[in-house]
Protein backbone atom coordinates (compact mmCIF):
# COMPACT_ATOMS: atom_id res chain seq x y z
CA MET A 1 27.64 65.24 2.99
CA ARG A 2 24.31 64.53 1.59
CA ALA A 3 21.34 66.43 2.63
CA PRO A 4 19.14 64.25 4.76
CA CYS A 5 16.20 64.53 2.41
CA LEU A 6 18.05 63.13 -0.50
CA ALA A 7 19.35 60.06 1.24
CA ALA A 8 15.94 58.87 2.34
CA PRO A 9 14.77 58.16 -1.07
CA GLN A 10 17.89 56.04 -1.76
CA GLY A 11 17.75 54.22 1.45
CA TYR A 12 13.95 53.61 0.47
CA LYS A 13 14.84 52.20 -2.98
CA GLU A 14 17.62 49.98 -1.66
CA LEU A 15 15.14 48.30 1.04
CA TYR A 16 12.53 48.13 -1.76
CA SER A 17 14.76 46.34 -4.10
CA ARG A 18 15.81 43.98 -1.47
CA LYS A 19 12.16 43.21 -0.44
CA TRP A 20 10.98 42.93 -3.95
CA ALA A 21 13.85 40.16 -4.70
CA PHE A 22 12.53 38.20 -1.48
CA THR A 23 8.91 38.42 -2.79
CA GLN A 24 9.95 37.03 -6.10
CA GLU A 25 11.77 34.04 -4.58
CA LEU A 26 9.06 33.44 -2.53
CA ALA A 27 6.71 33.44 -5.53
CA VAL A 28 9.15 31.01 -7.09
CA SER A 29 8.82 28.67 -4.15
CA ILE A 30 5.07 28.86 -4.11
CA ASP A 31 4.61 28.15 -7.83
CA ALA A 32 6.95 24.99 -7.25
CA GLY A 33 5.08 23.84 -4.43
CA LEU A 34 1.79 24.28 -6.41
CA GLN A 35 3.13 22.44 -9.32
CA LYS A 36 4.11 19.60 -7.08
CA MET A 37 0.63 19.61 -5.42
CA PHE A 38 -1.05 19.49 -9.16
CA GLU A 39 1.12 16.66 -10.01
CA ALA A 40 0.48 14.74 -6.76
CA LYS A 41 -3.20 15.24 -7.38
CA ALA A 42 -2.91 13.90 -10.81
CA ASP A 43 -0.91 10.74 -9.38
CA VAL A 44 -3.98 10.41 -6.86
CA ASN A 45 -6.32 10.25 -9.55
CA LYS A 46 -4.61 7.79 -11.58
CA MET A 47 -4.03 5.45 -8.48
CA LYS A 48 -7.85 5.60 -7.72
CA ALA A 49 -8.51 4.69 -11.49
CA GLU A 50 -6.11 1.70 -10.92
CA LEU A 51 -7.54 0.72 -7.56
CA ALA A 52 -10.86 0.75 -9.09
CA VAL A 53 -9.74 -1.82 -11.76
CA LYS A 54 -8.05 -3.96 -9.05
CA ASN A 55 -11.15 -3.99 -7.18
CA GLN A 56 -13.40 -5.29 -9.92
CA GLU A 57 -10.65 -7.90 -10.85
CA LEU A 58 -10.65 -8.61 -6.83
CA ALA A 59 -14.49 -8.97 -6.77
CA VAL A 60 -14.42 -11.38 -9.87
CA ALA A 61 -11.85 -13.46 -8.17
CA ALA A 62 -14.04 -13.53 -4.90
CA LYS A 63 -16.89 -14.72 -6.91
CA GLU A 64 -15.00 -17.60 -8.66
CA ALA A 65 -13.35 -18.63 -5.39
CA GLU A 66 -16.81 -18.81 -3.66
CA ALA A 67 -18.16 -20.77 -6.59
CA LEU A 68 -15.17 -23.09 -6.30
CA LEU A 69 -15.72 -23.53 -2.50
CA LYS A 70 -19.33 -24.54 -3.17
CA GLN A 71 -18.34 -27.24 -5.46
CA VAL A 72 -15.69 -28.60 -3.24
CA GLY A 73 -18.20 -28.54 -0.06
CA PRO A 74 -17.36 -28.83 3.56
CA LYS A 75 -15.94 -32.17 3.65
CA GLY A 76 -13.49 -31.12 0.76
CA MET A 77 -12.38 -28.09 2.85
CA ARG A 78 -11.82 -30.17 5.82
CA ALA A 79 -9.61 -32.60 3.83
CA ALA A 80 -7.74 -29.83 2.01
CA CYS A 81 -6.90 -28.48 5.45
CA CYS A 82 -4.90 -31.49 6.92
CA PHE A 83 -3.23 -32.92 3.87
CA ILE A 84 -0.94 -30.31 2.37
CA ILE A 85 2.09 -32.05 1.49
CA VAL A 86 5.44 -29.82 1.26
CA LYS A 87 8.37 -31.62 -0.89
CA TRP A 88 11.13 -29.26 0.00
CA PRO A 89 13.33 -29.12 2.08
CA ALA A 90 12.07 -32.37 3.81
CA GLU A 91 8.52 -34.03 3.02
CA GLN A 92 6.00 -32.89 5.57
CA VAL A 93 2.34 -32.93 6.22
CA LEU A 94 0.87 -29.60 7.32
CA CYS A 95 -1.96 -29.31 9.33
CA GLY A 96 -3.77 -26.01 8.84
CA GLY A 97 -6.05 -26.62 11.64
CA CYS A 98 -3.60 -27.38 14.38
CA ALA A 99 -0.74 -25.72 12.59
CA ARG A 100 1.50 -28.98 13.39
CA THR A 101 3.93 -30.64 11.25
CA GLN A 102 5.14 -34.22 11.06
CA PRO A 103 8.18 -34.49 9.29
CA GLY A 104 8.27 -37.54 6.99
CA ALA A 105 4.80 -38.57 8.02
CA ARG A 106 2.05 -39.29 5.62
CA ARG A 107 -0.80 -38.27 7.91
CA PRO A 108 -0.89 -35.49 10.62
CA VAL A 109 -1.41 -36.32 14.29
CA PRO A 110 -3.40 -33.15 15.58
CA ARG A 111 -4.43 -32.22 18.93
CA ALA A 112 -8.01 -33.72 19.63
CA GLY A 113 -10.49 -31.22 18.42
CA ALA A 114 -8.04 -28.73 17.38
CA CYS A 115 -8.47 -29.45 13.58
CA PRO A 116 -11.76 -29.39 11.91
CA GLY A 117 -10.44 -32.25 9.56
CA THR A 118 -10.40 -34.81 12.35
């Protein structure tokens, strides 16, 4: 039989070993989580840079579209609204203002006042 004073240090040593192993596992998990967070931060910064480039491209395209619309003028925009011809599956004339289609028709027949092109 062991003496009580000699068994206590052995028990504490085993408890300390288990707690130390658990602490080491937690440290590994925390390190892995931090690594993923740093990678995500880098990815977000990369996407921010890509978004800034896309926003610049979009601004240029918007300016070009605005200039084109000024060239076309209001009458050209109304005409473009009502005479979009789709060749497939069947020829149709689409009216953007009233959203009606006329299969095989050459001109749309919009509701009165519904289409700005009429």
